[in-house]
Amino acid sequence: MTTNEYQQFIQKSPTQRLTRQVLALFPNSKVTQSMSQYAIGNSLAIGEKSYRQISSMPDMQRFLNTPNTLTSTQRLAKIREILKNHGYFGNKLNDQYEIGIVIRNFNLQHPYDTNDLLQGLVIAKK
């Protein structure tokens, strides 16, 4: 999947509502498919040395990959709180970043769940 195809998927898929809400917090940033692969653990997806800063926020990764029964509104509030704790608030949200994001529209605890949700959010600056 190309970055353009991934962006179209995020914009059009009903399952990506929360992803769109998170991306709306960063109006001048762009999401890329390669950075999104990096966000879910594929360290070979990007050339790390070509970025000044890559913020993977371990607490964000833990939150996104821990099964829960929060509503999308509650999940967005928690994501905002974690971003704020890492300094992403106010004018800093208006900077230009490359974002990697994979968030599914559900995160419910299930008795047969393997806890392998493969979700992630990474913010990078070149």
PDB file of N, CA and C in Angstrom:
ATOM      1  N   MET A   1       0.856  -1.180   0.000  1.00  0.00           N
ATOM      2  CA  MET A   1       0.000   0.000   0.000  1.00  0.00           C
ATOM      3  C   MET A   1       0.895   1.234   0.000  1.00  0.00           C
ATOM      4  N   THR A   2       0.588   2.192  -0.846  1.00  0.00           N
ATOM      5  CA  THR A   2       1.347   3.437  -0.906  1.00  0.00           C
ATOM      6  C   THR A   2       0.836   4.411   0.152  1.00  0.00           C
ATOM      7  N   THR A   3       1.590   5.474   0.369  1.00  0.00           N
ATOM      8  CA  THR A   3       1.156   6.503   1.315  1.00  0.00           C
ATOM      9  C   THR A   3      -0.160   7.112   0.866  1.00  0.00           C
ATOM     10  N   ASN A   4      -0.298   7.377  -0.432  1.00  0.00           N
ATOM     11  CA  ASN A   4      -1.538   7.951  -0.953  1.00  0.00           C
ATOM     12  C   ASN A   4      -2.731   7.021  -0.701  1.00  0.00           C
ATOM     13  N   GLU A   5      -2.551   5.735  -0.948  1.00  0.00           N
ATOM     14  CA  GLU A   5      -3.624   4.761  -0.702  1.00  0.00           C
ATOM     15  C   GLU A   5      -3.972   4.690   0.789  1.00  0.00           C
ATOM     16  N   TYR A   6      -2.943   4.750   1.628  1.00  0.00           N
ATOM     17  CA  TYR A   6      -3.180   4.702   3.073  1.00  0.00           C
ATOM     18  C   TYR A   6      -3.941   5.954   3.531  1.00  0.00           C
ATOM     19  N   GLN A   7      -3.552   7.115   3.009  1.00  0.00           N
ATOM     20  CA  GLN A   7      -4.258   8.354   3.357  1.00  0.00           C
ATOM     21  C   GLN A   7      -5.717   8.297   2.909  1.00  0.00           C
ATOM     22  N   GLN A   8      -5.970   7.753   1.730  1.00  0.00           N
ATOM     23  CA  GLN A   8      -7.343   7.610   1.245  1.00  0.00           C
ATOM     24  C   GLN A   8      -8.146   6.661   2.146  1.00  0.00           C
ATOM     25  N   PHE A   9      -7.523   5.564   2.552  1.00  0.00           N
ATOM     26  CA  PHE A   9      -8.171   4.627   3.462  1.00  0.00           C
ATOM     27  C   PHE A   9      -8.573   5.327   4.760  1.00  0.00           C
ATOM     28  N   ILE A  10      -7.661   6.104   5.326  1.00  0.00           N
ATOM     29  CA  ILE A  10      -7.955   6.820   6.576  1.00  0.00           C
ATOM     30  C   ILE A  10      -9.109   7.793   6.363  1.00  0.00           C
ATOM     31  N   GLN A  11      -9.104   8.509   5.249  1.00  0.00           N
ATOM     32  CA  GLN A  11     -10.142   9.512   4.991  1.00  0.00           C
ATOM     33  C   GLN A  11     -11.515   8.901   4.729  1.00  0.00           C
ATOM     34  N   LYS A  12     -11.560   7.738   4.129  1.00  0.00           N
ATOM     35  CA  LYS A  12     -12.846   7.187   3.687  1.00  0.00           C
ATOM     36  C   LYS A  12     -13.410   6.058   4.537  1.00  0.00           C
ATOM     37  N   SER A  13     -12.567   5.347   5.253  1.00  0.00           N
ATOM     38  CA  SER A  13     -13.047   4.177   5.985  1.00  0.00           C
ATOM     39  C   SER A  13     -13.791   4.575   7.260  1.00  0.00           C
ATOM     40  N   PRO A  14     -14.983   4.030   7.471  1.00  0.00           N
ATOM     41  CA  PRO A  14     -15.717   4.312   8.715  1.00  0.00           C
ATOM     42  C   PRO A  14     -14.968   3.809   9.949  1.00  0.00           C
ATOM     43  N   THR A  15     -14.073   2.849   9.776  1.00  0.00           N
ATOM     44  CA  THR A  15     -13.324   2.331  10.923  1.00  0.00           C
ATOM     45  C   THR A  15     -12.211   3.265  11.372  1.00  0.00           C
ATOM     46  N   GLN A  16     -11.966   4.322  10.602  1.00  0.00           N
ATOM     47  CA  GLN A  16     -10.844   5.208  10.894  1.00  0.00           C
ATOM     48  C   GLN A  16     -11.267   6.554  11.504  1.00  0.00           C
ATOM     49  N   ARG A  17     -12.450   6.607  12.065  1.00  0.00           N
ATOM     50  CA  ARG A  17     -12.948   7.859  12.652  1.00  0.00           C
ATOM     51  C   ARG A  17     -12.014   8.384  13.747  1.00  0.00           C
ATOM     52  N   LEU A  18     -11.602   7.518  14.659  1.00  0.00           N
ATOM     53  CA  LEU A  18     -10.699   7.937  15.731  1.00  0.00           C
ATOM     54  C   LEU A  18      -9.350   8.374  15.166  1.00  0.00           C
ATOM     55  N   THR A  19      -8.865   7.684  14.167  1.00  0.00           N
ATOM     56  CA  THR A  19      -7.609   8.076  13.517  1.00  0.00           C
ATOM     57  C   THR A  19      -7.737   9.484  12.946  1.00  0.00           C
ATOM     58  N   ARG A  20      -8.840   9.764  12.274  1.00  0.00           N
ATOM     59  CA  ARG A  20      -9.050  11.109  11.710  1.00  0.00           C
ATOM     60  C   ARG A  20      -9.098  12.159  12.818  1.00  0.00           C
ATOM     61  N   GLN A  21      -9.708  11.827  13.943  1.00  0.00           N
ATOM     62  CA  GLN A  21      -9.782  12.773  15.065  1.00  0.00           C
ATOM     63  C   GLN A  21      -8.393  13.054  15.639  1.00  0.00           C
ATOM     64  N   VAL A  22      -7.572  12.030  15.731  1.00  0.00           N
ATOM     65  CA  VAL A  22      -6.207  12.226  16.229  1.00  0.00           C
ATOM     66  C   VAL A  22      -5.414  13.062  15.239  1.00  0.00           C
ATOM     67  N   LEU A  23      -5.513  12.756  13.959  1.00  0.00           N
ATOM     68  CA  LEU A  23      -4.766  13.511  12.950  1.00  0.00           C
ATOM     69  C   LEU A  23      -5.215  14.969  12.893  1.00  0.00           C
ATOM     70  N   ALA A  24      -6.477  15.237  13.199  1.00  0.00           N
ATOM     71  CA  ALA A  24      -6.984  16.616  13.203  1.00  0.00           C
ATOM     72  C   ALA A  24      -6.288  17.469  14.261  1.00  0.00           C
ATOM     73  N   LEU A  25      -5.699  16.834  15.257  1.00  0.00           N
ATOM     74  CA  LEU A  25      -4.951  17.574  16.279  1.00  0.00           C
ATOM     75  C   LEU A  25      -3.675  18.175  15.706  1.00  0.00           C
ATOM     76  N   PHE A  26      -3.213  17.655  14.577  1.00  0.00           N
ATOM     77  CA  PHE A  26      -1.967  18.078  13.934  1.00  0.00           C
ATOM     78  C   PHE A  26      -2.276  18.606  12.533  1.00  0.00           C
ATOM     79  N   PRO A  27      -2.857  19.802  12.404  1.00  0.00           N
ATOM     80  CA  PRO A  27      -3.360  20.280  11.114  1.00  0.00           C
ATOM     81  C   PRO A  27      -2.305  20.472  10.019  1.00  0.00           C
ATOM     82  N   ASN A  28      -1.050  20.675  10.381  1.00  0.00           N
ATOM     83  CA  ASN A  28      -0.010  20.924   9.376  1.00  0.00           C
ATOM     84  C   ASN A  28       0.884  19.720   9.131  1.00  0.00           C
ATOM     85  N   SER A  29       0.474  18.573   9.608  1.00  0.00           N
ATOM     86  CA  SER A  29       1.281  17.369   9.497  1.00  0.00           C
ATOM     87  C   SER A  29       0.708  16.425   8.449  1.00  0.00           C
ATOM     88  N   LYS A  30       1.530  15.450   8.067  1.00  0.00           N
ATOM     89  CA  LYS A  30       1.050  14.462   7.103  1.00  0.00           C
ATOM     90  C   LYS A  30       1.334  13.065   7.648  1.00  0.00           C
ATOM     91  N   VAL A  31       0.445  12.159   7.341  1.00  0.00           N
ATOM     92  CA  VAL A  31       0.623  10.765   7.712  1.00  0.00           C
ATOM     93  C   VAL A  31       1.255  10.044   6.535  1.00  0.00           C
ATOM     94  N   THR A  32       2.199   9.159   6.832  1.00  0.00           N
ATOM     95  CA  THR A  32       2.804   8.359   5.770  1.00  0.00           C
ATOM     96  C   THR A  32       2.662   6.879   6.107  1.00  0.00           C
ATOM     97  N   GLN A  33       2.618   6.091   5.065  1.00  0.00           N
ATOM     98  CA  GLN A  33       2.482   4.656   5.233  1.00  0.00           C
ATOM     99  C   GLN A  33       3.738   4.079   5.870  1.00  0.00           C
ATOM    100  N   SER A  34       4.904   4.547   5.468  1.00  0.00           N
ATOM    101  CA  SER A  34       6.144   3.996   6.024  1.00  0.00           C
ATOM    102  C   SER A  34       6.277   4.326   7.513  1.00  0.00           C
ATOM    103  N   MET A  35       5.946   5.542   7.911  1.00  0.00           N
ATOM    104  CA  MET A  35       6.021   5.899   9.329  1.00  0.00           C
ATOM    105  C   MET A  35       4.961   5.130  10.117  1.00  0.00           C
ATOM    106  N   SER A  36       3.829   4.846   9.496  1.00  0.00           N
ATOM    107  CA  SER A  36       2.787   4.062  10.163  1.00  0.00           C
ATOM    108  C   SER A  36       3.249   2.624  10.383  1.00  0.00           C
ATOM    109  N   GLN A  37       3.998   2.085   9.427  1.00  0.00           N
ATOM    110  CA  GLN A  37       4.588   0.762   9.629  1.00  0.00           C
ATOM    111  C   GLN A  37       5.602   0.796  10.778  1.00  0.00           C
ATOM    112  N   TYR A  38       6.366   1.875  10.839  1.00  0.00           N
ATOM    113  CA  TYR A  38       7.317   2.059  11.940  1.00  0.00           C
ATOM    114  C   TYR A  38       6.575   2.111  13.279  1.00  0.00           C
ATOM    115  N   ALA A  39       5.422   2.754  13.295  1.00  0.00           N
ATOM    116  CA  ALA A  39       4.633   2.900  14.528  1.00  0.00           C
ATOM    117  C   ALA A  39       4.194   1.566  15.105  1.00  0.00           C
ATOM    118  N   ILE A  40       4.046   0.562  14.253  1.00  0.00           N
ATOM    119  CA  ILE A  40       3.626  -0.746  14.764  1.00  0.00           C
ATOM    120  C   ILE A  40       4.800  -1.723  14.855  1.00  0.00           C
ATOM    121  N   GLY A  41       6.010  -1.178  14.861  1.00  0.00           N
ATOM    122  CA  GLY A  41       7.170  -1.998  15.173  1.00  0.00           C
ATOM    123  C   GLY A  41       8.067  -2.403  14.032  1.00  0.00           C
ATOM    124  N   ASN A  42       7.782  -1.966  12.813  1.00  0.00           N
ATOM    125  CA  ASN A  42       8.642  -2.307  11.676  1.00  0.00           C
ATOM    126  C   ASN A  42       9.750  -1.260  11.568  1.00  0.00           C
ATOM    127  N   SER A  43      10.835  -1.477  12.303  1.00  0.00           N
ATOM    128  CA  SER A  43      11.912  -0.493  12.356  1.00  0.00           C
ATOM    129  C   SER A  43      12.647  -0.342  11.026  1.00  0.00           C
ATOM    130  N   LEU A  44      12.451  -1.266  10.112  1.00  0.00           N
ATOM    131  CA  LEU A  44      13.096  -1.176   8.804  1.00  0.00           C
ATOM    132  C   LEU A  44      12.286  -0.349   7.806  1.00  0.00           C
ATOM    133  N   ALA A  45      11.109   0.121   8.215  1.00  0.00           N
ATOM    134  CA  ALA A  45      10.220   0.837   7.295  1.00  0.00           C
ATOM    135  C   ALA A  45      10.736   2.223   6.933  1.00  0.00           C
ATOM    136  N   ILE A  46      11.589   2.794   7.779  1.00  0.00           N
ATOM    137  CA  ILE A  46      12.108   4.143   7.527  1.00  0.00           C
ATOM    138  C   ILE A  46      13.613   4.154   7.757  1.00  0.00           C
ATOM    139  N   GLY A  47      14.247   5.192   7.277  1.00  0.00           N
ATOM    140  CA  GLY A  47      15.652   5.429   7.595  1.00  0.00           C
ATOM    141  C   GLY A  47      15.703   6.349   8.804  1.00  0.00           C
ATOM    142  N   GLU A  48      15.876   5.777   9.992  1.00  0.00           N
ATOM    143  CA  GLU A  48      15.802   6.562  11.232  1.00  0.00           C
ATOM    144  C   GLU A  48      16.753   7.746  11.236  1.00  0.00           C
ATOM    145  N   LYS A  49      17.890   7.617  10.597  1.00  0.00           N
ATOM    146  CA  LYS A  49      18.889   8.682  10.624  1.00  0.00           C
ATOM    147  C   LYS A  49      18.470   9.907   9.817  1.00  0.00           C
ATOM    148  N   SER A  50      17.426   9.779   9.003  1.00  0.00           N
ATOM    149  CA  SER A  50      16.990  10.926   8.206  1.00  0.00           C
ATOM    150  C   SER A  50      16.019  11.822   8.986  1.00  0.00           C
ATOM    151  N   TYR A  51      15.789  11.499  10.261  1.00  0.00           N
ATOM    152  CA  TYR A  51      14.895  12.297  11.110  1.00  0.00           C
ATOM    153  C   TYR A  51      15.667  12.894  12.275  1.00  0.00           C
ATOM    154  N   ARG A  52      15.359  14.158  12.587  1.00  0.00           N
ATOM    155  CA  ARG A  52      15.961  14.803  13.751  1.00  0.00           C
ATOM    156  C   ARG A  52      15.397  14.225  15.036  1.00  0.00           C
ATOM    157  N   GLN A  53      14.117  13.918  14.995  1.00  0.00           N
ATOM    158  CA  GLN A  53      13.430  13.472  16.200  1.00  0.00           C
ATOM    159  C   GLN A  53      12.337  12.476  15.809  1.00  0.00           C
ATOM    160  N   ILE A  54      12.268  11.375  16.535  1.00  0.00           N
ATOM    161  CA  ILE A  54      11.168  10.425  16.399  1.00  0.00           C
ATOM    162  C   ILE A  54      10.645  10.179  17.800  1.00  0.00           C
ATOM    163  N   SER A  55       9.407  10.559  18.018  1.00  0.00           N
ATOM    164  CA  SER A  55       8.799  10.404  19.341  1.00  0.00           C
ATOM    165  C   SER A  55       7.802   9.252  19.297  1.00  0.00           C
ATOM    166  N   SER A  56       8.190   8.127  19.903  1.00  0.00           N
ATOM    167  CA  SER A  56       7.313   6.960  19.876  1.00  0.00           C
ATOM    168  C   SER A  56       6.498   6.807  21.155  1.00  0.00           C
ATOM    169  N   MET A  57       6.798   7.563  22.176  1.00  0.00           N
ATOM    170  CA  MET A  57       5.994   7.631  23.408  1.00  0.00           C
ATOM    171  C   MET A  57       5.571   6.244  23.914  1.00  0.00           C
ATOM    172  N   PRO A  58       6.420   5.553  24.650  1.00  0.00           N
ATOM    173  CA  PRO A  58       6.086   4.204  25.134  1.00  0.00           C
ATOM    174  C   PRO A  58       4.739   4.115  25.861  1.00  0.00           C
ATOM    175  N   ASP A  59       4.385   5.153  26.613  1.00  0.00           N
ATOM    176  CA  ASP A  59       3.081   5.112  27.303  1.00  0.00           C
ATOM    177  C   ASP A  59       1.925   5.161  26.305  1.00  0.00           C
ATOM    178  N   MET A  60       2.122   5.829  25.178  1.00  0.00           N
ATOM    179  CA  MET A  60       1.096   5.841  24.129  1.00  0.00           C
ATOM    180  C   MET A  60       0.950   4.440  23.533  1.00  0.00           C
ATOM    181  N   GLN A  61       2.091   3.811  23.250  1.00  0.00           N
ATOM    182  CA  GLN A  61       2.049   2.472  22.668  1.00  0.00           C
ATOM    183  C   GLN A  61       1.376   1.486  23.635  1.00  0.00           C
ATOM    184  N   ARG A  62       1.702   1.603  24.924  1.00  0.00           N
ATOM    185  CA  ARG A  62       1.057   0.728  25.919  1.00  0.00           C
ATOM    186  C   ARG A  62      -0.443   0.942  25.941  1.00  0.00           C
ATOM    187  N   PHE A  63      -0.866   2.212  25.954  1.00  0.00           N
ATOM    188  CA  PHE A  63      -2.294   2.517  25.987  1.00  0.00           C
ATOM    189  C   PHE A  63      -3.002   1.955  24.757  1.00  0.00           C
ATOM    190  N   LEU A  64      -2.448   2.213  23.582  1.00  0.00           N
ATOM    191  CA  LEU A  64      -3.100   1.774  22.346  1.00  0.00           C
ATOM    192  C   LEU A  64      -3.161   0.257  22.233  1.00  0.00           C
ATOM    193  N   ASN A  65      -2.225  -0.434  22.844  1.00  0.00           N
ATOM    194  CA  ASN A  65      -2.154  -1.887  22.690  1.00  0.00           C
ATOM    195  C   ASN A  65      -2.640  -2.665  23.907  1.00  0.00           C
ATOM    196  N   THR A  66      -3.316  -1.986  24.825  1.00  0.00           N
ATOM    197  CA  THR A  66      -3.913  -2.654  25.976  1.00  0.00           C
ATOM    198  C   THR A  66      -5.419  -2.727  25.755  1.00  0.00           C
ATOM    199  N   PRO A  67      -5.965  -3.929  25.697  1.00  0.00           N
ATOM    200  CA  PRO A  67      -7.415  -4.048  25.484  1.00  0.00           C
ATOM    201  C   PRO A  67      -8.198  -3.294  26.562  1.00  0.00           C
ATOM    202  N   ASN A  68      -9.231  -2.609  26.141  1.00  0.00           N
ATOM    203  CA  ASN A  68     -10.075  -1.856  27.070  1.00  0.00           C
ATOM    204  C   ASN A  68     -11.466  -1.705  26.472  1.00  0.00           C
ATOM    205  N   THR A  69     -12.350  -1.133  27.238  1.00  0.00           N
ATOM    206  CA  THR A  69     -13.728  -0.932  26.770  1.00  0.00           C
ATOM    207  C   THR A  69     -14.081   0.554  26.733  1.00  0.00           C
ATOM    208  N   LEU A  70     -13.082   1.419  26.579  1.00  0.00           N
ATOM    209  CA  LEU A  70     -13.340   2.850  26.508  1.00  0.00           C
ATOM    210  C   LEU A  70     -14.063   3.208  25.214  1.00  0.00           C
ATOM    211  N   THR A  71     -14.873   4.248  25.275  1.00  0.00           N
ATOM    212  CA  THR A  71     -15.508   4.758  24.065  1.00  0.00           C
ATOM    213  C   THR A  71     -14.460   5.501  23.233  1.00  0.00           C
ATOM    214  N   SER A  72     -14.773   5.796  21.990  1.00  0.00           N
ATOM    215  CA  SER A  72     -13.849   6.561  21.150  1.00  0.00           C
ATOM    216  C   SER A  72     -13.564   7.929  21.746  1.00  0.00           C
ATOM    217  N   THR A  73     -14.564   8.556  22.345  1.00  0.00           N
ATOM    218  CA  THR A  73     -14.383   9.860  22.988  1.00  0.00           C
ATOM    219  C   THR A  73     -13.407   9.748  24.151  1.00  0.00           C
ATOM    220  N   GLN A  74     -13.551   8.697  24.950  1.00  0.00           N
ATOM    221  CA  GLN A  74     -12.647   8.493  26.078  1.00  0.00           C
ATOM    222  C   GLN A  74     -11.234   8.164  25.588  1.00  0.00           C
ATOM    223  N   ARG A  75     -11.136   7.393  24.535  1.00  0.00           N
ATOM    224  CA  ARG A  75      -9.819   7.060  23.980  1.00  0.00           C
ATOM    225  C   ARG A  75      -9.130   8.309  23.438  1.00  0.00           C
ATOM    226  N   LEU A  76      -9.885   9.172  22.736  1.00  0.00           N
ATOM    227  CA  LEU A  76      -9.312  10.407  22.218  1.00  0.00           C
ATOM    228  C   LEU A  76      -8.829  11.288  23.363  1.00  0.00           C
ATOM    229  N   ALA A  77      -9.601  11.377  24.431  1.00  0.00           N
ATOM    230  CA  ALA A  77      -9.201  12.182  25.593  1.00  0.00           C
ATOM    231  C   ALA A  77      -7.896  11.652  26.192  1.00  0.00           C
ATOM    232  N   LYS A  78      -7.761  10.345  26.287  1.00  0.00           N
ATOM    233  CA  LYS A  78      -6.539   9.742  26.836  1.00  0.00           C
ATOM    234  C   LYS A  78      -5.358   9.980  25.896  1.00  0.00           C
ATOM    235  N   ILE A  79      -5.576   9.873  24.600  1.00  0.00           N
ATOM    236  CA  ILE A  79      -4.511  10.137  23.622  1.00  0.00           C
ATOM    237  C   ILE A  79      -4.059  11.588  23.740  1.00  0.00           C
ATOM    238  N   ARG A  80      -5.005  12.513  23.870  1.00  0.00           N
ATOM    239  CA  ARG A  80      -4.658  13.937  24.040  1.00  0.00           C
ATOM    240  C   ARG A  80      -3.846  14.148  25.314  1.00  0.00           C
ATOM    241  N   GLU A  81      -4.240  13.468  26.385  1.00  0.00           N
ATOM    242  CA  GLU A  81      -3.528  13.589  27.669  1.00  0.00           C
ATOM    243  C   GLU A  81      -2.085  13.102  27.529  1.00  0.00           C
ATOM    244  N   ILE A  82      -1.899  11.970  26.871  1.00  0.00           N
ATOM    245  CA  ILE A  82      -0.544  11.445  26.676  1.00  0.00           C
ATOM    246  C   ILE A  82       0.266  12.390  25.795  1.00  0.00           C
ATOM    247  N   LEU A  83      -0.333  12.893  24.724  1.00  0.00           N
ATOM    248  CA  LEU A  83       0.364  13.861  23.865  1.00  0.00           C
ATOM    249  C   LEU A  83       0.788  15.086  24.663  1.00  0.00           C
ATOM    250  N   LYS A  84      -0.110  15.592  25.491  1.00  0.00           N
ATOM    251  CA  LYS A  84       0.199  16.766  26.314  1.00  0.00           C
ATOM    252  C   LYS A  84       1.352  16.469  27.267  1.00  0.00           C
ATOM    253  N   ASN A  85       1.351  15.288  27.863  1.00  0.00           N
ATOM    254  CA  ASN A  85       2.436  14.900  28.768  1.00  0.00           C
ATOM    255  C   ASN A  85       3.784  14.848  28.063  1.00  0.00           C
ATOM    256  N   HIS A  86       3.767  14.679  26.746  1.00  0.00           N
ATOM    257  CA  HIS A  86       5.001  14.650  25.957  1.00  0.00           C
ATOM    258  C   HIS A  86       5.273  15.987  25.275  1.00  0.00           C
ATOM    259  N   GLY A  87       4.527  17.010  25.668  1.00  0.00           N
ATOM    260  CA  GLY A  87       4.775  18.353  25.153  1.00  0.00           C
ATOM    261  C   GLY A  87       4.051  18.706  23.879  1.00  0.00           C
ATOM    262  N   TYR A  88       3.155  17.857  23.427  1.00  0.00           N
ATOM    263  CA  TYR A  88       2.407  18.133  22.200  1.00  0.00           C
ATOM    264  C   TYR A  88       1.067  18.764  22.555  1.00  0.00           C
ATOM    265  N   PHE A  89       1.090  20.087  22.687  1.00  0.00           N
ATOM    266  CA  PHE A  89      -0.132  20.849  22.949  1.00  0.00           C
ATOM    267  C   PHE A  89       0.087  22.277  22.464  1.00  0.00           C
ATOM    268  N   GLY A  90      -0.995  23.023  22.380  1.00  0.00           N
ATOM    269  CA  GLY A  90      -0.891  24.416  21.954  1.00  0.00           C
ATOM    270  C   GLY A  90      -0.268  24.559  20.584  1.00  0.00           C
ATOM    271  N   ASN A  91       0.624  25.542  20.460  1.00  0.00           N
ATOM    272  CA  ASN A  91       1.261  25.838  19.169  1.00  0.00           C
ATOM    273  C   ASN A  91       2.107  24.688  18.639  1.00  0.00           C
ATOM    274  N   LYS A  92       2.604  23.834  19.530  1.00  0.00           N
ATOM    275  CA  LYS A  92       3.439  22.717  19.070  1.00  0.00           C
ATOM    276  C   LYS A  92       2.655  21.768  18.168  1.00  0.00           C
ATOM    277  N   LEU A  93       1.330  21.720  18.327  1.00  0.00           N
ATOM    278  CA  LEU A  93       0.504  20.876  17.465  1.00  0.00           C
ATOM    279  C   LEU A  93       0.465  21.399  16.033  1.00  0.00           C
ATOM    280  N   ASN A  94       0.809  22.669  15.850  1.00  0.00           N
ATOM    281  CA  ASN A  94       0.779  23.277  14.522  1.00  0.00           C
ATOM    282  C   ASN A  94       2.080  23.092  13.742  1.00  0.00           C
ATOM    283  N   ASP A  95       3.093  22.513  14.370  1.00  0.00           N
ATOM    284  CA  ASP A  95       4.342  22.248  13.661  1.00  0.00           C
ATOM    285  C   ASP A  95       4.091  21.222  12.555  1.00  0.00           C
ATOM    286  N   GLN A  96       5.059  21.107  11.666  1.00  0.00           N
ATOM    287  CA  GLN A  96       4.944  20.122  10.587  1.00  0.00           C
ATOM    288  C   GLN A  96       5.675  18.848  10.986  1.00  0.00           C
ATOM    289  N   TYR A  97       4.911  17.801  11.122  1.00  0.00           N
ATOM    290  CA  TYR A  97       5.455  16.499  11.494  1.00  0.00           C
ATOM    291  C   TYR A  97       5.116  15.479  10.424  1.00  0.00           C
ATOM    292  N   GLU A  98       5.837  14.377  10.468  1.00  0.00           N
ATOM    293  CA  GLU A  98       5.446  13.198   9.714  1.00  0.00           C
ATOM    294  C   GLU A  98       4.899  12.229  10.752  1.00  0.00           C
ATOM    295  N   ILE A  99       3.685  11.783  10.560  1.00  0.00           N
ATOM    296  CA  ILE A  99       3.006  10.975  11.565  1.00  0.00           C
ATOM    297  C   ILE A  99       2.800   9.559  11.058  1.00  0.00           C
ATOM    298  N   GLY A 100       3.059   8.641  11.949  1.00  0.00           N
ATOM    299  CA  GLY A 100       2.748   7.246  11.710  1.00  0.00           C
ATOM    300  C   GLY A 100       1.632   6.860  12.662  1.00  0.00           C
ATOM    301  N   ILE A 101       0.554   6.333  12.132  1.00  0.00           N
ATOM    302  CA  ILE A 101      -0.586   6.022  12.983  1.00  0.00           C
ATOM    303  C   ILE A 101      -1.322   4.784  12.468  1.00  0.00           C
ATOM    304  N   VAL A 102      -1.601   3.889  13.385  1.00  0.00           N
ATOM    305  CA  VAL A 102      -2.444   2.731  13.113  1.00  0.00           C
ATOM    306  C   VAL A 102      -3.328   2.572  14.340  1.00  0.00           C
ATOM    307  N   ILE A 103      -4.585   2.931  14.194  1.00  0.00           N
ATOM    308  CA  ILE A 103      -5.544   2.793  15.292  1.00  0.00           C
ATOM    309  C   ILE A 103      -6.789   2.138  14.719  1.00  0.00           C
ATOM    310  N   ARG A 104      -7.159   1.059  15.322  1.00  0.00           N
ATOM    311  CA  ARG A 104      -8.381   0.396  14.901  1.00  0.00           C
ATOM    312  C   ARG A 104      -9.557   1.022  15.645  1.00  0.00           C
ATOM    313  N   ASN A 105     -10.739   0.850  15.132  1.00  0.00           N
ATOM    314  CA  ASN A 105     -11.916   1.519  15.686  1.00  0.00           C
ATOM    315  C   ASN A 105     -12.470   0.826  16.916  1.00  0.00           C
ATOM    316  N   PHE A 106     -11.846  -0.254  17.334  1.00  0.00           N
ATOM    317  CA  PHE A 106     -12.320  -0.960  18.519  1.00  0.00           C
ATOM    318  C   PHE A 106     -11.119  -1.429  19.321  1.00  0.00           C
ATOM    319  N   ASN A 107     -11.355  -1.704  20.567  1.00  0.00           N
ATOM    320  CA  ASN A 107     -10.273  -2.121  21.447  1.00  0.00           C
ATOM    321  C   ASN A 107     -10.873  -2.857  22.643  1.00  0.00           C
ATOM    322  N   LEU A 108     -11.812  -3.737  22.390  1.00  0.00           N
ATOM    323  CA  LEU A 108     -12.541  -4.392  23.466  1.00  0.00           C
ATOM    324  C   LEU A 108     -11.820  -5.622  23.980  1.00  0.00           C
ATOM    325  N   GLN A 109     -11.909  -5.828  25.273  1.00  0.00           N
ATOM    326  CA  GLN A 109     -11.366  -7.038  25.888  1.00  0.00           C
ATOM    327  C   GLN A 109     -12.211  -8.226  25.435  1.00  0.00           C
ATOM    328  N   HIS A 110     -11.588  -9.264  25.017  1.00  0.00           N
ATOM    329  CA  HIS A 110     -12.284 -10.463  24.571  1.00  0.00           C
ATOM    330  C   HIS A 110     -11.597 -11.661  25.213  1.00  0.00           C
ATOM    331  N   PRO A 111     -12.361 -12.665  25.640  1.00  0.00           N
ATOM    332  CA  PRO A 111     -11.717 -13.789  26.340  1.00  0.00           C
ATOM    333  C   PRO A 111     -10.680 -14.532  25.499  1.00  0.00           C
ATOM    334  N   TYR A 112     -10.754 -14.439  24.181  1.00  0.00           N
ATOM    335  CA  TYR A 112      -9.790 -15.118  23.323  1.00  0.00           C
ATOM    336  C   TYR A 112      -8.770 -14.158  22.721  1.00  0.00           C
ATOM    337  N   ASP A 113      -8.726 -12.934  23.241  1.00  0.00           N
ATOM    338  CA  ASP A 113      -7.829 -11.920  22.722  1.00  0.00           C
ATOM    339  C   ASP A 113      -6.376 -12.311  22.988  1.00  0.00           C
ATOM    340  N   THR A 114      -5.533 -12.122  21.989  1.00  0.00           N
ATOM    341  CA  THR A 114      -4.111 -12.440  22.135  1.00  0.00           C
ATOM    342  C   THR A 114      -3.303 -11.220  22.574  1.00  0.00           C
ATOM    343  N   ASN A 115      -3.950 -10.079  22.764  1.00  0.00           N
ATOM    344  CA  ASN A 115      -3.299  -8.809  23.099  1.00  0.00           C
ATOM    345  C   ASN A 115      -2.343  -8.363  22.002  1.00  0.00           C
ATOM    346  N   ASP A 116      -2.515  -8.856  20.804  1.00  0.00           N
ATOM    347  CA  ASP A 116      -1.690  -8.487  19.670  1.00  0.00           C
ATOM    348  C   ASP A 116      -2.483  -7.514  18.798  1.00  0.00           C
ATOM    349  N   LEU A 117      -2.691  -6.298  19.313  1.00  0.00           N
ATOM    350  CA  LEU A 117      -3.557  -5.341  18.639  1.00  0.00           C
ATOM    351  C   LEU A 117      -2.848  -4.604  17.505  1.00  0.00           C
ATOM    352  N   LEU A 118      -1.528  -4.555  17.542  1.00  0.00           N
ATOM    353  CA  LEU A 118      -0.746  -3.865  16.515  1.00  0.00           C
ATOM    354  C   LEU A 118      -1.296  -2.478  16.205  1.00  0.00           C
ATOM    355  N   GLN A 119      -1.277  -1.631  17.201  1.00  0.00           N
ATOM    356  CA  GLN A 119      -1.670  -0.249  17.029  1.00  0.00           C
ATOM    357  C   GLN A 119      -0.485   0.618  17.449  1.00  0.00           C
ATOM    358  N   GLY A 120      -0.414   1.826  16.922  1.00  0.00           N
ATOM    359  CA  GLY A 120       0.685   2.688  17.293  1.00  0.00           C
ATOM    360  C   GLY A 120       0.524   4.113  16.785  1.00  0.00           C
ATOM    361  N   LEU A 121       1.250   5.012  17.420  1.00  0.00           N
ATOM    362  CA  LEU A 121       1.289   6.410  17.022  1.00  0.00           C
ATOM    363  C   LEU A 121       2.703   6.912  17.232  1.00  0.00           C
ATOM    364  N   VAL A 122       3.305   7.460  16.176  1.00  0.00           N
ATOM    365  CA  VAL A 122       4.654   7.986  16.213  1.00  0.00           C
ATOM    366  C   VAL A 122       4.643   9.353  15.548  1.00  0.00           C
ATOM    367  N   ILE A 123       5.383  10.278  16.127  1.00  0.00           N
ATOM    368  CA  ILE A 123       5.490  11.633  15.577  1.00  0.00           C
ATOM    369  C   ILE A 123       6.963  11.895  15.281  1.00  0.00           C
ATOM    370  N   ALA A 124       7.261  12.295  14.051  1.00  0.00           N
ATOM    371  CA  ALA A 124       8.655  12.501  13.646  1.00  0.00           C
ATOM    372  C   ALA A 124       8.833  13.865  13.012  1.00  0.00           C
ATOM    373  N   LYS A 125      10.056  14.348  13.116  1.00  0.00           N
ATOM    374  CA  LYS A 125      10.417  15.636  12.523  1.00  0.00           C
ATOM    375  C   LYS A 125      11.720  15.455  11.770  1.00  0.00           C
ATOM    376  N   LYS A 126      11.734  15.916  10.519  1.00  0.00           N
ATOM    377  CA  LYS A 126      12.956  15.813   9.697  1.00  0.00           C
ATOM    378  C   LYS A 126      13.882  16.967   9.992  1.00  0.00           C
TER     379      LYS A 126
END
